[in-house]
Amino acid sequence: PDEARRRELWTSRVWPGAVMVDGEIVGTWRRAGRSLTITAWADLTPDRQDAVEAEAATLPLPVGDLPIQVTWERGD
């Protein structure tokens, strides 16, 4: 990603995950418990959002069998 986006991905404190769609980094994600916040850098089609959420549902969590709750944010 461009330099401004690199700062979002590789901070001095916590490294968020990169959201990749079709081989491009299109945003970041952060997890707290079973909540996952995705910050998209561009509009994603509903199909692409569904694909990202399906992938997020496969993340291993230390909170038992509860499902992951995904929240979307826009990172302009």
Protein backbone atom coordinates (compact mmCIF):
# COMPACT_ATOMS: atom_id res chain seq x y z
CA PRO A 1 0.00 0.00 0.00
CA ASP A 2 0.96 3.65 -0.30
CA GLU A 3 2.96 5.28 2.50
CA ALA A 4 -0.04 6.64 4.43
CA ARG A 5 -1.67 3.20 4.47
CA ARG A 6 1.59 1.53 5.52
CA ARG A 7 1.49 3.61 8.71
CA GLU A 8 -1.95 2.16 9.44
CA LEU A 9 -0.71 -1.39 8.95
CA TRP A 10 2.59 -1.22 10.80
CA THR A 11 2.16 0.95 13.87
CA SER A 12 4.61 1.21 16.76
CA ARG A 13 2.19 -0.47 19.19
CA VAL A 14 -0.19 -3.02 17.71
CA TRP A 15 -0.11 -4.49 14.25
CA PRO A 16 -3.58 -4.86 12.78
CA GLY A 17 -4.26 -7.48 10.18
CA ALA A 18 -4.44 -6.65 6.50
CA VAL A 19 -7.68 -7.27 4.60
CA MET A 20 -6.84 -8.68 1.18
CA VAL A 21 -9.26 -8.97 -1.71
CA ASP A 22 -8.11 -10.31 -5.07
CA GLY A 23 -4.47 -9.93 -4.01
CA GLU A 24 -4.74 -6.28 -2.96
CA ILE A 25 -4.73 -4.89 0.57
CA VAL A 26 -8.04 -3.04 0.86
CA GLY A 27 -8.14 -2.32 4.58
CA THR A 28 -7.25 -3.46 8.08
CA TRP A 29 -8.87 -5.52 10.80
CA ARG A 30 -8.55 -5.57 14.58
CA ARG A 31 -9.95 -8.12 17.00
CA ALA A 32 -11.01 -7.68 20.61
CA GLY A 33 -12.56 -10.79 22.11
CA ARG A 34 -15.07 -12.02 19.59
CA SER A 35 -15.54 -8.59 17.99
CA LEU A 36 -13.74 -7.94 14.73
CA THR A 37 -13.62 -4.40 13.32
CA ILE A 38 -12.80 -4.08 9.65
CA THR A 39 -11.73 -0.70 8.30
CA ALA A 40 -12.16 -0.66 4.53
CA TRP A 41 -10.16 1.83 2.51
CA ALA A 42 -12.59 1.67 -0.41
CA ASP A 43 -16.13 0.55 -1.07
CA LEU A 44 -16.41 -3.21 -1.39
CA THR A 45 -19.23 -4.93 -3.22
CA PRO A 46 -21.66 -6.92 -1.08
CA ASP A 47 -20.16 -10.14 -2.50
CA ARG A 48 -16.66 -9.09 -1.44
CA GLN A 49 -17.88 -8.05 2.01
CA ASP A 50 -19.56 -11.44 2.37
CA ALA A 51 -16.32 -13.17 1.36
CA VAL A 52 -14.31 -11.17 3.91
CA GLU A 53 -16.85 -11.97 6.64
CA ALA A 54 -16.80 -15.67 5.72
CA GLU A 55 -13.04 -15.67 6.08
CA ALA A 56 -13.28 -13.80 9.39
CA ALA A 57 -15.63 -16.49 10.70
CA THR A 58 -12.78 -19.01 10.41
CA LEU A 59 -10.46 -17.14 12.80
CA PRO A 60 -9.65 -19.16 15.90
CA LEU A 61 -10.86 -17.42 19.04
CA PRO A 62 -10.25 -18.16 22.70
CA VAL A 63 -13.91 -17.51 23.57
CA GLY A 64 -15.46 -20.91 22.93
CA ASP A 65 -18.05 -21.58 20.27
CA LEU A 66 -19.48 -18.05 20.08
CA PRO A 67 -19.53 -16.54 16.58
CA ILE A 68 -17.38 -13.60 15.60
CA GLN A 69 -19.21 -10.28 15.37
CA VAL A 70 -18.00 -8.19 12.43
CA THR A 71 -18.31 -4.41 12.35
CA TRP A 72 -17.42 -2.42 9.24
CA GLU A 73 -15.90 1.05 9.28
CA ARG A 74 -14.87 3.32 6.47
CA GLY A 75 -11.24 4.47 6.54
CA ASP A 76 -10.95 7.35 4.13
